[in-house]
Amino acid sequence: MGARAAVRDEHDLQRIALDHPTMNMNINAPNQTRITADHGIYREDDKIMHLDTNVVFVHADGTTFKTEKATVDTNTGIITGDAPIAGDGPRGQIQGDTYTVYDKGDRIIFRGNVHGVIKRD
């Protein structure tokens, strides 16, 4: 996990504001996923990172997902989002109203108005 800048809240020492945060999942595996955003808040007490504005997930296979919000539980690796998400990659496109990412980025469940296109090989 990193950021261009991180500022600890002087009134709540567990809260850290992040400017352009980045996070890599599955760092020691060939199927890494990189997450970036414009803004983030990380809480040291519960290890939860809230990302917002231009949240982008890029999987090692080139699949890219874009949304405006994500909540990352760094203890479990589970990511949730209550904002629309759209993905595009070598296997096709998908979009939905909300999402949950499991298994460090290997499995995503989309909910609400889910639409997709599967590309043929």
Protein backbone atom coordinates (compact mmCIF):
# COMPACT_ATOMS: atom_id res chain seq x y z
CA MET A 1 0.00 0.00 0.00
CA GLY A 2 1.28 3.47 -0.83
CA ALA A 3 0.20 7.00 -1.69
CA ARG A 4 1.63 10.24 -3.08
CA ALA A 5 0.95 11.77 0.32
CA ALA A 6 -0.47 10.60 3.63
CA VAL A 7 -1.66 12.94 6.39
CA ARG A 8 -2.60 11.71 9.86
CA ASP A 9 -5.69 13.40 11.33
CA GLU A 10 -4.57 15.38 14.38
CA HIS A 11 -7.98 14.82 16.07
CA ASP A 12 -8.19 11.08 15.27
CA LEU A 13 -4.71 9.52 15.14
CA GLN A 14 -6.09 6.27 13.68
CA ARG A 15 -7.35 8.09 10.53
CA ILE A 16 -4.95 8.77 7.67
CA ALA A 17 -5.99 10.75 4.57
CA LEU A 18 -4.36 9.45 1.38
CA ASP A 19 -3.67 11.32 -1.84
CA HIS A 20 -3.62 9.00 -4.88
CA PRO A 21 -3.42 5.73 -2.92
CA THR A 22 -2.27 2.51 -4.57
CA MET A 23 -2.49 -1.07 -3.40
CA ASN A 24 -1.28 -4.36 -4.85
CA MET A 25 -3.07 -7.61 -4.12
CA ASN A 26 -1.52 -11.07 -4.61
CA ILE A 27 1.89 -9.43 -4.65
CA ASN A 28 3.75 -12.78 -4.71
CA ALA A 29 1.53 -14.41 -7.33
CA PRO A 30 1.41 -14.12 -11.13
CA ASN A 31 -2.20 -12.85 -11.03
CA GLN A 32 -1.62 -9.54 -9.25
CA THR A 33 -4.29 -6.87 -9.08
CA ARG A 34 -3.37 -3.20 -8.67
CA ILE A 35 -5.88 -0.74 -7.21
CA THR A 36 -5.58 3.03 -7.56
CA ALA A 37 -7.81 5.98 -6.65
CA ASP A 38 -7.67 9.75 -6.37
CA HIS A 39 -8.49 9.82 -2.64
CA GLY A 40 -8.55 7.45 0.28
CA ILE A 41 -8.95 7.18 4.04
CA TYR A 42 -7.14 4.45 5.92
CA ARG A 43 -7.97 3.53 9.50
CA GLU A 44 -5.13 1.90 11.38
CA ASP A 45 -7.39 0.54 14.12
CA ASP A 46 -9.59 -1.65 11.88
CA LYS A 47 -7.29 -1.85 8.81
CA ILE A 48 -10.05 -0.60 6.49
CA MET A 49 -9.29 1.64 3.52
CA HIS A 50 -12.07 3.68 1.88
CA LEU A 51 -11.25 4.74 -1.67
CA ASP A 52 -13.14 7.25 -3.78
CA THR A 53 -12.98 9.06 -7.10
CA ASN A 54 -11.53 7.28 -10.14
CA VAL A 55 -11.09 3.92 -8.43
CA VAL A 56 -9.43 1.55 -10.91
CA PHE A 57 -8.61 -2.16 -10.55
CA VAL A 58 -6.15 -3.59 -13.08
CA HIS A 59 -5.75 -7.39 -13.10
CA ALA A 60 -2.59 -9.06 -14.43
CA ASP A 61 -4.50 -10.35 -17.47
CA GLY A 62 -5.27 -6.77 -18.54
CA THR A 63 -8.84 -6.65 -17.29
CA THR A 64 -9.68 -3.19 -15.95
CA PHE A 65 -12.58 -2.27 -13.67
CA LYS A 66 -13.61 1.32 -12.97
CA THR A 67 -15.85 2.66 -10.22
CA GLU A 68 -16.11 5.65 -7.89
CA LYS A 69 -16.02 3.90 -4.49
CA ALA A 70 -14.37 0.92 -2.85
CA THR A 71 -13.93 -0.28 0.70
CA VAL A 72 -10.92 -2.55 1.22
CA ASP A 73 -10.68 -4.74 4.30
CA THR A 74 -6.92 -5.27 4.39
CA ASN A 75 -7.34 -8.03 7.00
CA THR A 76 -9.47 -10.27 4.76
CA GLY A 77 -8.67 -8.89 1.30
CA ILE A 78 -12.40 -8.44 0.60
CA ILE A 79 -13.36 -5.32 -1.36
CA THR A 80 -16.90 -3.98 -1.53
CA GLY A 81 -18.45 -1.15 -3.47
CA ASP A 82 -21.90 0.41 -3.49
CA ALA A 83 -21.25 2.43 -6.65
CA PRO A 84 -21.68 1.28 -10.26
CA ILE A 85 -18.73 -0.61 -11.71
CA ALA A 86 -17.73 -1.40 -15.30
CA GLY A 87 -15.08 -3.82 -16.47
CA ASP A 88 -13.38 -4.47 -19.78
CA GLY A 89 -10.82 -7.11 -20.62
CA PRO A 90 -9.69 -9.90 -22.91
CA ARG A 91 -12.78 -12.00 -22.08
CA GLY A 92 -15.38 -9.24 -22.52
CA GLN A 93 -17.16 -6.45 -20.69
CA ILE A 94 -19.37 -6.37 -17.60
CA GLN A 95 -21.14 -3.76 -15.50
CA GLY A 96 -23.26 -3.72 -12.38
CA ASP A 97 -24.64 -1.46 -9.67
CA THR A 98 -22.61 -2.92 -6.77
CA TYR A 99 -19.83 -5.45 -6.35
CA THR A 100 -17.81 -7.57 -3.95
CA VAL A 101 -14.29 -8.80 -4.69
CA TYR A 102 -13.08 -12.02 -3.07
CA ASP A 103 -9.95 -14.17 -3.22
CA LYS A 104 -7.61 -11.18 -3.61
CA GLY A 105 -9.16 -10.12 -6.89
CA ASP A 106 -9.72 -13.51 -8.48
CA ARG A 107 -13.50 -13.59 -7.93
CA ILE A 108 -15.96 -10.71 -8.30
CA ILE A 109 -19.71 -10.80 -7.69
CA PHE A 110 -21.77 -8.12 -9.41
CA ARG A 111 -25.28 -7.19 -8.26
CA GLY A 112 -28.05 -5.01 -9.68
CA ASN A 113 -28.55 -4.32 -13.39
CA VAL A 114 -25.73 -6.64 -14.33
CA HIS A 115 -24.99 -6.70 -18.06
CA GLY A 116 -22.10 -8.34 -19.85
CA VAL A 117 -20.66 -9.33 -23.19
CA ILE A 118 -18.46 -12.40 -23.49
CA LYS A 119 -15.88 -12.36 -26.29
CA ARG A 120 -15.27 -15.48 -28.34
CA ASP A 121 -11.73 -16.69 -28.82
